[in-house]
């Protein structure tokens, strides 16, 4: 009988797990898809929605990442000019 000492940790327990919450409320025990954090059942295979005009829900581009960053930059610029008026 080849028994390992109790301090030995098996290789399976060292593998990463998906960790998404299941319907039962427990973490998913499936391994994640290679290069992702989630298993195939919890979105690991999905690359996400297409960007821009390829997305069927795209209408005018007001909420694209670039538009949001531009509005944030303008807002910060206006705030910085407001600070100079106090001097």
C-alpha atoms as a PDB file:
ATOM      1  CA  UNK A   1       0.000   0.000   0.000  1.00  0.00           C
ATOM      2  CA  UNK A   2       1.438   3.260  -1.133  1.00  0.00           C
ATOM      3  CA  UNK A   3      -0.016   5.923   1.125  1.00  0.00           C
ATOM      4  CA  UNK A   4       1.046   9.522   1.032  1.00  0.00           C
ATOM      5  CA  UNK A   5       1.517  11.572   4.159  1.00  0.00           C
ATOM      6  CA  UNK A   6      -1.506  13.755   5.061  1.00  0.00           C
ATOM      7  CA  UNK A   7       0.470  16.940   4.394  1.00  0.00           C
ATOM      8  CA  UNK A   8       0.701  16.073   0.688  1.00  0.00           C
ATOM      9  CA  UNK A   9      -1.597  18.199  -1.478  1.00  0.00           C
ATOM     10  CA  UNK A  10      -2.911  16.549  -4.619  1.00  0.00           C
ATOM     11  CA  UNK A  11      -2.450  18.185  -8.020  1.00  0.00           C
ATOM     12  CA  UNK A  12      -6.227  18.389  -8.551  1.00  0.00           C
ATOM     13  CA  UNK A  13      -6.722  20.635  -5.531  1.00  0.00           C
ATOM     14  CA  UNK A  14      -4.171  23.119  -6.900  1.00  0.00           C
ATOM     15  CA  UNK A  15      -6.045  23.662 -10.196  1.00  0.00           C
ATOM     16  CA  UNK A  16      -7.974  26.867 -10.601  1.00  0.00           C
ATOM     17  CA  UNK A  17     -11.755  26.714 -10.659  1.00  0.00           C
ATOM     18  CA  UNK A  18     -14.397  28.751 -12.454  1.00  0.00           C
ATOM     19  CA  UNK A  19     -15.861  30.124  -9.218  1.00  0.00           C
ATOM     20  CA  UNK A  20     -19.087  31.454 -10.772  1.00  0.00           C
ATOM     21  CA  UNK A  21     -22.059  31.156  -8.461  1.00  0.00           C
ATOM     22  CA  UNK A  22     -24.375  28.295  -9.420  1.00  0.00           C
ATOM     23  CA  UNK A  23     -28.158  28.327  -9.041  1.00  0.00           C
ATOM     24  CA  UNK A  24     -27.698  26.466  -5.774  1.00  0.00           C
ATOM     25  CA  UNK A  25     -25.477  29.294  -4.521  1.00  0.00           C
ATOM     26  CA  UNK A  26     -22.272  27.272  -4.405  1.00  0.00           C
ATOM     27  CA  UNK A  27     -19.177  28.118  -6.450  1.00  0.00           C
ATOM     28  CA  UNK A  28     -18.762  26.257  -9.752  1.00  0.00           C
ATOM     29  CA  UNK A  29     -16.094  23.567  -9.527  1.00  0.00           C
ATOM     30  CA  UNK A  30     -15.424  23.251 -13.272  1.00  0.00           C
ATOM     31  CA  UNK A  31     -12.000  24.256 -14.578  1.00  0.00           C
ATOM     32  CA  UNK A  32     -11.896  27.525 -16.542  1.00  0.00           C
ATOM     33  CA  UNK A  33     -11.353  27.652 -20.292  1.00  0.00           C
ATOM     34  CA  UNK A  34      -7.669  28.077 -21.108  1.00  0.00           C
ATOM     35  CA  UNK A  35      -6.734  31.756 -20.955  1.00  0.00           C
ATOM     36  CA  UNK A  36     -10.018  32.769 -19.265  1.00  0.00           C
ATOM     37  CA  UNK A  37     -11.403  32.957 -15.741  1.00  0.00           C
ATOM     38  CA  UNK A  38     -14.712  31.135 -16.302  1.00  0.00           C
ATOM     39  CA  UNK A  39     -15.710  27.664 -17.500  1.00  0.00           C
ATOM     40  CA  UNK A  40     -17.468  27.046 -20.811  1.00  0.00           C
ATOM     41  CA  UNK A  41     -20.880  26.997 -19.138  1.00  0.00           C
ATOM     42  CA  UNK A  42     -20.394  30.357 -17.422  1.00  0.00           C
ATOM     43  CA  UNK A  43     -19.151  32.429 -20.356  1.00  0.00           C
ATOM     44  CA  UNK A  44     -15.559  31.340 -20.847  1.00  0.00           C
ATOM     45  CA  UNK A  45     -16.098  30.576 -24.539  1.00  0.00           C
ATOM     46  CA  UNK A  46     -17.929  33.802 -25.302  1.00  0.00           C
ATOM     47  CA  UNK A  47     -15.666  36.547 -26.660  1.00  0.00           C
ATOM     48  CA  UNK A  48     -18.333  39.159 -25.910  1.00  0.00           C
ATOM     49  CA  UNK A  49     -20.489  41.328 -28.119  1.00  0.00           C
ATOM     50  CA  UNK A  50     -18.993  42.781 -31.299  1.00  0.00           C
ATOM     51  CA  UNK A  51     -17.823  46.370 -31.078  1.00  0.00           C
ATOM     52  CA  UNK A  52     -19.249  49.316 -32.990  1.00  0.00           C
ATOM     53  CA  UNK A  53     -21.409  48.934 -36.064  1.00  0.00           C
ATOM     54  CA  UNK A  54     -21.123  45.148 -36.068  1.00  0.00           C
ATOM     55  CA  UNK A  55     -23.301  45.047 -32.947  1.00  0.00           C
ATOM     56  CA  UNK A  56     -27.010  44.910 -33.791  1.00  0.00           C
ATOM     57  CA  UNK A  57     -27.805  47.273 -30.930  1.00  0.00           C
ATOM     58  CA  UNK A  58     -25.429  50.028 -32.160  1.00  0.00           C
ATOM     59  CA  UNK A  59     -27.299  53.220 -33.095  1.00  0.00           C
ATOM     60  CA  UNK A  60     -25.245  56.417 -32.850  1.00  0.00           C
ATOM     61  CA  UNK A  61     -22.060  55.819 -30.859  1.00  0.00           C
ATOM     62  CA  UNK A  62     -22.828  58.053 -27.872  1.00  0.00           C
ATOM     63  CA  UNK A  63     -21.943  55.266 -25.457  1.00  0.00           C
ATOM     64  CA  UNK A  64     -18.801  53.872 -27.070  1.00  0.00           C
ATOM     65  CA  UNK A  65     -15.652  53.692 -24.980  1.00  0.00           C
ATOM     66  CA  UNK A  66     -14.116  56.538 -26.989  1.00  0.00           C
ATOM     67  CA  UNK A  67     -17.150  58.815 -26.528  1.00  0.00           C
ATOM     68  CA  UNK A  68     -17.234  58.185 -22.776  1.00  0.00           C
ATOM     69  CA  UNK A  69     -13.496  58.885 -22.455  1.00  0.00           C
ATOM     70  CA  UNK A  70     -13.855  62.108 -24.451  1.00  0.00           C
ATOM     71  CA  UNK A  71     -16.719  63.348 -22.251  1.00  0.00           C
ATOM     72  CA  UNK A  72     -14.740  62.473 -19.132  1.00  0.00           C
ATOM     73  CA  UNK A  73     -11.737  64.419 -20.480  1.00  0.00           C
ATOM     74  CA  UNK A  74     -13.902  67.485 -21.258  1.00  0.00           C
ATOM     75  CA  UNK A  75     -15.522  67.322 -17.815  1.00  0.00           C
ATOM     76  CA  UNK A  76     -12.104  67.204 -16.100  1.00  0.00           C
ATOM     77  CA  UNK A  77     -10.897  70.085 -18.283  1.00  0.00           C
ATOM     78  CA  UNK A  78     -13.886  72.251 -17.327  1.00  0.00           C
ATOM     79  CA  UNK A  79     -13.373  71.429 -13.651  1.00  0.00           C
ATOM     80  CA  UNK A  80      -9.696  72.362 -13.846  1.00  0.00           C
ATOM     81  CA  UNK A  81     -10.614  75.778 -15.307  1.00  0.00           C
ATOM     82  CA  UNK A  82     -13.113  76.261 -12.476  1.00  0.00           C
ATOM     83  CA  UNK A  83     -10.298  75.836  -9.967  1.00  0.00           C
ATOM     84  CA  UNK A  84      -8.370  78.774 -11.505  1.00  0.00           C
ATOM     85  CA  UNK A  85     -11.285  81.174 -10.914  1.00  0.00           C
ATOM     86  CA  UNK A  86     -10.938  80.711  -7.152  1.00  0.00           C
ATOM     87  CA  UNK A  87      -7.396  82.097  -7.180  1.00  0.00           C
END
